[in-house]
Amino acid sequence: MNSHMSHGSAAEDTREMVQFPPDMQTHFLGNMRDHLQTLNEIVDALARDDYAAASKAATERLGLDSPSAAGCKPPSPQQVSRPPGNRSPKPETMEEMMEAYMPEAMRGIGLSMHTAASGFAKAAMTQDRAGTMAALSHVTQNCVSCHSSYRLR
């Protein structure tokens, strides 16, 4: 059993606690559930040898260009150029909230997952089963890494 994934009391849980405002936590957990649902749809499509459906799901819902990837990407040049005193006191966009509240290493894992998902989408279109499954493993390795390192509750 992974020492990070203890089933005992919260005091035994060694994962880093991430403090999100309640609305952001609700949104973030919804994204995580959608990621899991998408992974399930990808596995189901692969079980049916429907590589196109697996690729489409990865591209639209997990890949670098998906809406859920926005908060993990590095800040835009406009965001970086603003001095800290000129940033809005309350982050408004998901990108601003992620920048304000999400640990940089956690964002890095998220970006790696979204990058791997885009790689998976390309691999799936080759219809090479071994390569596709290896690429899917890169996606899920990032999920395991993040969930083993961080918690919201």
N, C-alpha and C. Protein backbone atom coordinates (compact mmCIF):
# COMPACT_ATOMS: atom_id res chain seq x y z
N MET A 1 0.83 -1.18 0.00
CA MET A 1 0.00 0.00 0.00
C MET A 1 0.88 1.24 0.00
N ASN A 2 0.55 2.21 -0.81
CA ASN A 2 1.28 3.47 -0.88
C ASN A 2 1.09 4.22 0.42
N SER A 3 2.18 4.68 1.04
CA SER A 3 2.09 5.36 2.32
C SER A 3 1.29 6.65 2.23
N HIS A 4 1.22 7.25 1.05
CA HIS A 4 0.44 8.47 0.89
C HIS A 4 -1.06 8.19 0.91
N MET A 5 -1.46 7.02 0.55
CA MET A 5 -2.87 6.70 0.41
C MET A 5 -3.41 5.97 1.63
N SER A 6 -3.08 6.45 2.77
CA SER A 6 -3.52 5.86 4.03
C SER A 6 -5.04 5.93 4.16
N HIS A 7 -5.62 4.90 4.70
CA HIS A 7 -7.06 4.87 4.92
C HIS A 7 -7.40 5.19 6.36
N GLY A 8 -6.43 5.59 7.16
CA GLY A 8 -6.67 5.91 8.56
C GLY A 8 -7.16 7.33 8.72
N SER A 9 -6.88 7.91 9.87
CA SER A 9 -7.33 9.26 10.18
C SER A 9 -6.59 10.28 9.33
N ALA A 10 -7.14 11.50 9.28
CA ALA A 10 -6.52 12.58 8.51
C ALA A 10 -5.11 12.87 9.03
N ALA A 11 -4.87 12.64 10.32
CA ALA A 11 -3.54 12.90 10.89
C ALA A 11 -2.48 12.00 10.25
N GLU A 12 -2.88 10.84 9.74
CA GLU A 12 -1.94 9.92 9.11
C GLU A 12 -1.71 10.24 7.63
N ASP A 13 -2.54 11.07 7.07
CA ASP A 13 -2.46 11.40 5.65
C ASP A 13 -1.34 12.40 5.44
N THR A 14 -0.29 11.98 4.74
CA THR A 14 0.90 12.82 4.57
C THR A 14 0.84 13.69 3.31
N ARG A 15 -0.24 13.60 2.56
CA ARG A 15 -0.35 14.43 1.36
C ARG A 15 -0.50 15.90 1.75
N GLU A 16 0.01 16.78 0.90
CA GLU A 16 -0.09 18.22 1.16
C GLU A 16 -1.54 18.68 1.01
N MET A 17 -2.02 19.40 2.01
CA MET A 17 -3.37 19.96 1.97
C MET A 17 -3.34 21.24 1.13
N VAL A 18 -4.21 21.31 0.14
CA VAL A 18 -4.32 22.49 -0.70
C VAL A 18 -5.59 23.22 -0.30
N GLN A 19 -5.45 24.49 0.04
CA GLN A 19 -6.58 25.29 0.52
C GLN A 19 -7.15 26.12 -0.63
N PHE A 20 -8.28 25.68 -1.17
CA PHE A 20 -8.99 26.43 -2.20
C PHE A 20 -10.20 27.10 -1.56
N PRO A 21 -10.59 28.27 -2.06
CA PRO A 21 -11.87 28.84 -1.62
C PRO A 21 -12.99 27.85 -1.96
N PRO A 22 -14.10 27.86 -1.22
CA PRO A 22 -15.16 26.86 -1.43
C PRO A 22 -15.65 26.74 -2.88
N ASP A 23 -15.89 27.86 -3.56
CA ASP A 23 -16.36 27.78 -4.95
C ASP A 23 -15.33 27.13 -5.86
N MET A 24 -14.07 27.46 -5.65
CA MET A 24 -13.01 26.88 -6.46
C MET A 24 -12.87 25.39 -6.17
N GLN A 25 -12.99 25.01 -4.89
CA GLN A 25 -12.89 23.60 -4.52
C GLN A 25 -13.99 22.81 -5.22
N THR A 26 -15.20 23.34 -5.21
CA THR A 26 -16.33 22.66 -5.87
C THR A 26 -16.05 22.50 -7.36
N HIS A 27 -15.57 23.57 -8.00
CA HIS A 27 -15.26 23.52 -9.42
C HIS A 27 -14.13 22.53 -9.71
N PHE A 28 -13.09 22.58 -8.89
CA PHE A 28 -11.93 21.71 -9.07
C PHE A 28 -12.32 20.24 -8.93
N LEU A 29 -13.09 19.92 -7.90
CA LEU A 29 -13.51 18.53 -7.71
C LEU A 29 -14.41 18.07 -8.86
N GLY A 30 -15.22 18.96 -9.39
CA GLY A 30 -16.02 18.63 -10.57
C GLY A 30 -15.13 18.29 -11.76
N ASN A 31 -14.04 19.07 -11.92
CA ASN A 31 -13.07 18.76 -12.99
C ASN A 31 -12.45 17.39 -12.79
N MET A 32 -12.09 17.07 -11.55
CA MET A 32 -11.47 15.77 -11.28
C MET A 32 -12.45 14.63 -11.62
N ARG A 33 -13.71 14.80 -11.26
CA ARG A 33 -14.71 13.77 -11.59
C ARG A 33 -14.87 13.65 -13.10
N ASP A 34 -14.82 14.78 -13.82
CA ASP A 34 -14.92 14.73 -15.27
C ASP A 34 -13.69 14.05 -15.88
N HIS A 35 -12.52 14.31 -15.30
CA HIS A 35 -11.31 13.62 -15.77
C HIS A 35 -11.47 12.11 -15.63
N LEU A 36 -11.97 11.67 -14.48
CA LEU A 36 -12.18 10.24 -14.25
C LEU A 36 -13.20 9.66 -15.23
N GLN A 37 -14.30 10.39 -15.45
CA GLN A 37 -15.31 9.95 -16.41
C GLN A 37 -14.70 9.86 -17.81
N THR A 38 -13.88 10.82 -18.16
CA THR A 38 -13.24 10.81 -19.48
C THR A 38 -12.30 9.62 -19.62
N LEU A 39 -11.51 9.35 -18.57
CA LEU A 39 -10.64 8.17 -18.62
C LEU A 39 -11.46 6.90 -18.80
N ASN A 40 -12.60 6.82 -18.14
CA ASN A 40 -13.47 5.66 -18.30
C ASN A 40 -13.97 5.55 -19.74
N GLU A 41 -14.36 6.67 -20.32
CA GLU A 41 -14.82 6.67 -21.71
C GLU A 41 -13.69 6.26 -22.67
N ILE A 42 -12.48 6.69 -22.37
CA ILE A 42 -11.32 6.32 -23.19
C ILE A 42 -11.07 4.82 -23.11
N VAL A 43 -11.08 4.27 -21.91
CA VAL A 43 -10.87 2.82 -21.74
C VAL A 43 -11.97 2.05 -22.44
N ASP A 44 -13.21 2.50 -22.31
CA ASP A 44 -14.33 1.84 -22.98
C ASP A 44 -14.15 1.87 -24.50
N ALA A 45 -13.76 3.04 -25.03
CA ALA A 45 -13.55 3.15 -26.48
C ALA A 45 -12.43 2.22 -26.94
N LEU A 46 -11.35 2.16 -26.15
CA LEU A 46 -10.24 1.27 -26.53
C LEU A 46 -10.66 -0.19 -26.47
N ALA A 47 -11.50 -0.54 -25.52
CA ALA A 47 -11.99 -1.92 -25.43
C ALA A 47 -12.79 -2.30 -26.67
N ARG A 48 -13.38 -1.31 -27.32
CA ARG A 48 -14.15 -1.54 -28.55
C ARG A 48 -13.31 -1.26 -29.79
N ASP A 49 -11.99 -1.04 -29.60
CA ASP A 49 -11.08 -0.69 -30.71
C ASP A 49 -11.53 0.57 -31.45
N ASP A 50 -12.18 1.48 -30.74
CA ASP A 50 -12.61 2.74 -31.33
C ASP A 50 -11.59 3.82 -30.96
N TYR A 51 -10.47 3.78 -31.66
CA TYR A 51 -9.36 4.68 -31.39
C TYR A 51 -9.75 6.14 -31.63
N ALA A 52 -10.59 6.38 -32.62
CA ALA A 52 -11.00 7.75 -32.93
C ALA A 52 -11.79 8.34 -31.76
N ALA A 53 -12.69 7.55 -31.18
CA ALA A 53 -13.47 8.05 -30.03
C ALA A 53 -12.58 8.30 -28.83
N ALA A 54 -11.61 7.42 -28.61
CA ALA A 54 -10.67 7.60 -27.50
C ALA A 54 -9.85 8.87 -27.70
N SER A 55 -9.37 9.08 -28.91
CA SER A 55 -8.58 10.27 -29.23
C SER A 55 -9.41 11.53 -29.06
N LYS A 56 -10.64 11.49 -29.52
CA LYS A 56 -11.52 12.67 -29.44
C LYS A 56 -11.78 13.03 -27.98
N ALA A 57 -12.09 12.05 -27.15
CA ALA A 57 -12.36 12.32 -25.73
C ALA A 57 -11.13 12.93 -25.07
N ALA A 58 -9.96 12.38 -25.36
CA ALA A 58 -8.73 12.90 -24.76
C ALA A 58 -8.46 14.33 -25.23
N THR A 59 -8.64 14.58 -26.49
CA THR A 59 -8.38 15.92 -27.04
C THR A 59 -9.33 16.95 -26.45
N GLU A 60 -10.62 16.65 -26.47
CA GLU A 60 -11.63 17.63 -26.08
C GLU A 60 -11.75 17.85 -24.58
N ARG A 61 -11.41 16.82 -23.78
CA ARG A 61 -11.68 16.95 -22.34
C ARG A 61 -10.46 16.84 -21.45
N LEU A 62 -9.33 16.38 -21.99
CA LEU A 62 -8.12 16.25 -21.17
C LEU A 62 -6.89 16.93 -21.78
N GLY A 63 -6.86 17.10 -23.07
CA GLY A 63 -5.67 17.59 -23.75
C GLY A 63 -5.32 19.03 -23.44
N LEU A 64 -4.19 19.46 -23.95
CA LEU A 64 -3.68 20.81 -23.70
C LEU A 64 -4.63 21.91 -24.16
N ASP A 65 -5.45 21.63 -25.16
CA ASP A 65 -6.39 22.64 -25.65
C ASP A 65 -7.77 22.50 -25.03
N SER A 66 -7.94 21.59 -24.09
CA SER A 66 -9.24 21.43 -23.43
C SER A 66 -9.44 22.54 -22.41
N PRO A 67 -10.70 22.86 -22.10
CA PRO A 67 -10.97 23.90 -21.11
C PRO A 67 -10.33 23.62 -19.75
N SER A 68 -10.25 22.35 -19.36
CA SER A 68 -9.72 22.03 -18.03
C SER A 68 -8.21 22.24 -17.92
N ALA A 69 -7.51 22.38 -19.05
CA ALA A 69 -6.06 22.58 -19.01
C ALA A 69 -5.67 24.02 -18.73
N ALA A 70 -6.60 24.95 -18.91
CA ALA A 70 -6.28 26.38 -18.80
C ALA A 70 -5.62 26.75 -17.48
N GLY A 71 -6.12 26.21 -16.38
CA GLY A 71 -5.59 26.57 -15.08
C GLY A 71 -4.22 26.01 -14.78
N CYS A 72 -3.74 25.06 -15.57
CA CYS A 72 -2.43 24.45 -15.33
C CYS A 72 -1.34 25.06 -16.18
N LYS A 73 -1.73 25.81 -17.19
CA LYS A 73 -0.74 26.40 -18.09
C LYS A 73 -0.01 27.55 -17.38
N PRO A 74 1.22 27.80 -17.79
CA PRO A 74 1.96 28.93 -17.20
C PRO A 74 1.20 30.23 -17.44
N PRO A 75 1.39 31.22 -16.57
CA PRO A 75 0.71 32.50 -16.75
C PRO A 75 1.05 33.12 -18.11
N SER A 76 0.08 33.83 -18.66
CA SER A 76 0.31 34.51 -19.94
C SER A 76 1.31 35.65 -19.74
N PRO A 77 1.90 36.14 -20.83
CA PRO A 77 2.83 37.27 -20.69
C PRO A 77 2.17 38.48 -20.02
N GLN A 78 0.89 38.71 -20.28
CA GLN A 78 0.18 39.83 -19.65
C GLN A 78 0.10 39.63 -18.14
N GLN A 79 -0.15 38.40 -17.70
CA GLN A 79 -0.24 38.12 -16.26
C GLN A 79 1.13 38.29 -15.61
N VAL A 80 2.18 37.82 -16.28
CA VAL A 80 3.53 37.90 -15.72
C VAL A 80 3.99 39.35 -15.63
N SER A 81 3.61 40.16 -16.62
CA SER A 81 4.09 41.54 -16.66
C SER A 81 3.42 42.43 -15.62
N ARG A 82 2.29 42.01 -15.07
CA ARG A 82 1.63 42.83 -14.05
C ARG A 82 2.38 42.72 -12.74
N PRO A 83 2.72 43.86 -12.14
CA PRO A 83 3.35 43.80 -10.82
C PRO A 83 2.36 43.23 -9.81
N PRO A 84 2.86 42.53 -8.78
CA PRO A 84 1.96 41.92 -7.80
C PRO A 84 0.93 42.90 -7.24
N GLY A 85 1.31 44.15 -7.04
CA GLY A 85 0.37 45.13 -6.49
C GLY A 85 -0.75 45.48 -7.44
N ASN A 86 -0.58 45.22 -8.73
CA ASN A 86 -1.60 45.56 -9.73
C ASN A 86 -2.53 44.39 -10.04
N ARG A 87 -2.31 43.26 -9.43
CA ARG A 87 -3.19 42.12 -9.66
C ARG A 87 -4.47 42.35 -8.89
N SER A 88 -5.56 41.87 -9.42
CA SER A 88 -6.83 42.08 -8.73
C SER A 88 -6.78 41.40 -7.37
N PRO A 89 -7.35 42.03 -6.33
CA PRO A 89 -7.26 41.46 -4.98
C PRO A 89 -7.96 40.11 -4.89
N LYS A 90 -8.99 39.91 -5.69
CA LYS A 90 -9.68 38.62 -5.69
C LYS A 90 -9.56 38.03 -7.09
N PRO A 91 -8.87 36.89 -7.21
CA PRO A 91 -8.76 36.27 -8.54
C PRO A 91 -10.16 35.98 -9.09
N GLU A 92 -10.33 36.25 -10.38
CA GLU A 92 -11.66 36.09 -10.98
C GLU A 92 -11.74 34.92 -11.95
N THR A 93 -10.71 34.74 -12.78
CA THR A 93 -10.76 33.64 -13.74
C THR A 93 -10.16 32.39 -13.10
N MET A 94 -10.46 31.24 -13.69
CA MET A 94 -9.90 29.99 -13.18
C MET A 94 -8.37 30.04 -13.23
N GLU A 95 -7.83 30.61 -14.29
CA GLU A 95 -6.38 30.71 -14.41
C GLU A 95 -5.80 31.52 -13.25
N GLU A 96 -6.44 32.66 -12.92
CA GLU A 96 -5.97 33.49 -11.81
C GLU A 96 -6.11 32.76 -10.48
N MET A 97 -7.20 32.02 -10.32
CA MET A 97 -7.39 31.27 -9.07
C MET A 97 -6.34 30.17 -8.92
N MET A 98 -6.08 29.47 -10.02
CA MET A 98 -5.07 28.41 -9.97
C MET A 98 -3.71 29.00 -9.63
N GLU A 99 -3.39 30.14 -10.25
CA GLU A 99 -2.11 30.78 -9.98
C GLU A 99 -2.02 31.21 -8.51
N ALA A 100 -3.13 31.67 -7.96
CA ALA A 100 -3.13 32.19 -6.59
C ALA A 100 -3.12 31.09 -5.53
N TYR A 101 -3.80 29.98 -5.78
CA TYR A 101 -4.03 28.99 -4.73
C TYR A 101 -3.38 27.63 -4.94
N MET A 102 -3.08 27.26 -6.18
CA MET A 102 -2.55 25.92 -6.44
C MET A 102 -1.03 25.92 -6.34
N PRO A 103 -0.47 24.99 -5.57
CA PRO A 103 1.00 24.91 -5.51
C PRO A 103 1.59 24.72 -6.91
N GLU A 104 2.71 25.36 -7.15
CA GLU A 104 3.34 25.31 -8.48
C GLU A 104 3.62 23.86 -8.91
N ALA A 105 4.10 23.02 -7.99
CA ALA A 105 4.39 21.63 -8.34
C ALA A 105 3.11 20.89 -8.74
N MET A 106 2.00 21.21 -8.10
CA MET A 106 0.72 20.58 -8.44
C MET A 106 0.28 21.02 -9.84
N ARG A 107 0.46 22.30 -10.13
CA ARG A 107 0.14 22.80 -11.47
C ARG A 107 1.03 22.10 -12.50
N GLY A 108 2.29 21.87 -12.15
CA GLY A 108 3.20 21.18 -13.06
C GLY A 108 2.74 19.77 -13.37
N ILE A 109 2.27 19.06 -12.35
CA ILE A 109 1.75 17.71 -12.59
C ILE A 109 0.52 17.79 -13.48
N GLY A 110 -0.34 18.77 -13.22
CA GLY A 110 -1.54 18.95 -14.06
C GLY A 110 -1.16 19.21 -15.50
N LEU A 111 -0.19 20.10 -15.71
CA LEU A 111 0.25 20.40 -17.07
C LEU A 111 0.83 19.15 -17.73
N SER A 112 1.59 18.36 -16.98
CA SER A 112 2.14 17.10 -17.51
C SER A 112 1.03 16.14 -17.90
N MET A 113 -0.04 16.08 -17.10
CA MET A 113 -1.16 15.20 -17.43
C MET A 113 -1.83 15.65 -18.71
N HIS A 114 -2.10 16.96 -18.83
CA HIS A 114 -2.76 17.48 -20.04
C HIS A 114 -1.87 17.29 -21.26
N THR A 115 -0.55 17.46 -21.10
CA THR A 115 0.40 17.23 -22.18
C THR A 115 0.38 15.76 -22.59
N ALA A 116 0.39 14.87 -21.60
CA ALA A 116 0.34 13.43 -21.88
C ALA A 116 -0.97 13.05 -22.57
N ALA A 117 -2.06 13.70 -22.20
CA ALA A 117 -3.36 13.41 -22.83
C ALA A 117 -3.33 13.81 -24.31
N SER A 118 -2.71 14.93 -24.61
CA SER A 118 -2.57 15.31 -26.03
C SER A 118 -1.69 14.31 -26.77
N GLY A 119 -0.64 13.83 -26.11
CA GLY A 119 0.20 12.80 -26.71
C GLY A 119 -0.56 11.50 -26.92
N PHE A 120 -1.40 11.15 -25.94
CA PHE A 120 -2.22 9.96 -26.08
C PHE A 120 -3.15 10.09 -27.28
N ALA A 121 -3.78 11.25 -27.43
CA ALA A 121 -4.72 11.45 -28.55
C ALA A 121 -4.03 11.19 -29.88
N LYS A 122 -2.80 11.65 -30.01
CA LYS A 122 -2.04 11.42 -31.25
C LYS A 122 -1.69 9.94 -31.39
N ALA A 123 -1.26 9.32 -30.29
CA ALA A 123 -0.90 7.90 -30.34
C ALA A 123 -2.10 7.03 -30.70
N ALA A 124 -3.26 7.38 -30.17
CA ALA A 124 -4.46 6.59 -30.45
C ALA A 124 -4.80 6.60 -31.93
N MET A 125 -4.54 7.70 -32.59
CA MET A 125 -4.87 7.79 -34.01
C MET A 125 -3.98 6.88 -34.87
N THR A 126 -2.88 6.39 -34.32
CA THR A 126 -2.03 5.44 -35.06
C THR A 126 -2.63 4.04 -35.03
N GLN A 127 -3.54 3.80 -34.10
CA GLN A 127 -4.18 2.50 -33.88
C GLN A 127 -3.17 1.42 -33.52
N ASP A 128 -2.04 1.83 -33.01
CA ASP A 128 -1.05 0.89 -32.50
C ASP A 128 -1.40 0.64 -31.03
N ARG A 129 -1.89 -0.55 -30.74
CA ARG A 129 -2.41 -0.84 -29.40
C ARG A 129 -1.35 -0.64 -28.31
N ALA A 130 -0.16 -1.18 -28.50
CA ALA A 130 0.88 -1.08 -27.47
C ALA A 130 1.27 0.39 -27.24
N GLY A 131 1.47 1.13 -28.32
CA GLY A 131 1.83 2.54 -28.19
C GLY A 131 0.72 3.36 -27.56
N THR A 132 -0.51 3.04 -27.91
CA THR A 132 -1.66 3.74 -27.35
C THR A 132 -1.78 3.48 -25.86
N MET A 133 -1.61 2.24 -25.47
CA MET A 133 -1.73 1.90 -24.04
C MET A 133 -0.58 2.50 -23.24
N ALA A 134 0.61 2.53 -23.82
CA ALA A 134 1.75 3.16 -23.13
C ALA A 134 1.48 4.65 -22.95
N ALA A 135 0.91 5.29 -23.96
CA ALA A 135 0.59 6.72 -23.87
C ALA A 135 -0.50 6.96 -22.82
N LEU A 136 -1.47 6.07 -22.74
CA LEU A 136 -2.52 6.21 -21.72
C LEU A 136 -1.92 6.05 -20.32
N SER A 137 -0.97 5.17 -20.20
CA SER A 137 -0.30 4.99 -18.91
C SER A 137 0.41 6.27 -18.47
N HIS A 138 0.97 7.02 -19.40
CA HIS A 138 1.61 8.30 -19.06
C HIS A 138 0.58 9.28 -18.50
N VAL A 139 -0.63 9.24 -19.03
CA VAL A 139 -1.70 10.10 -18.52
C VAL A 139 -2.01 9.72 -17.08
N THR A 140 -2.29 8.45 -16.86
CA THR A 140 -2.73 8.02 -15.53
C THR A 140 -1.62 8.08 -14.49
N GLN A 141 -0.35 7.96 -14.93
CA GLN A 141 0.76 8.12 -13.98
C GLN A 141 0.73 9.51 -13.35
N ASN A 142 0.39 10.51 -14.15
CA ASN A 142 0.29 11.87 -13.62
C ASN A 142 -0.87 12.00 -12.65
N CYS A 143 -1.98 11.34 -12.94
CA CYS A 143 -3.13 11.35 -12.03
C CYS A 143 -2.72 10.75 -10.68
N VAL A 144 -2.08 9.59 -10.73
CA VAL A 144 -1.64 8.92 -9.50
C VAL A 144 -0.68 9.81 -8.73
N SER A 145 0.26 10.43 -9.43
CA SER A 145 1.24 11.29 -8.77
C SER A 145 0.57 12.44 -8.03
N CYS A 146 -0.37 13.09 -8.68
CA CYS A 146 -1.04 14.24 -8.07
C CYS A 146 -1.90 13.80 -6.89
N HIS A 147 -2.71 12.79 -7.09
CA HIS A 147 -3.60 12.33 -6.02
C HIS A 147 -2.82 11.72 -4.86
N SER A 148 -1.61 11.26 -5.10
CA SER A 148 -0.78 10.72 -4.03
C SER A 148 -0.06 11.82 -3.26
N SER A 149 0.04 12.99 -3.84
CA SER A 149 0.80 14.09 -3.24
C SER A 149 -0.06 15.18 -2.62
N TYR A 150 -1.28 15.35 -3.12
CA TYR A 150 -2.11 16.48 -2.69
C TYR A 150 -3.52 16.03 -2.30
N ARG A 151 -4.13 16.83 -1.44
CA ARG A 151 -5.52 16.59 -1.06
C ARG A 151 -6.20 17.93 -0.82
N LEU A 152 -7.53 17.94 -0.91
CA LEU A 152 -8.29 19.15 -0.64
C LEU A 152 -9.01 19.08 0.69
N ARG A 153 -9.13 17.88 1.22
CA ARG A 153 -9.84 17.71 2.51
C ARG A 153 -9.03 16.83 3.43
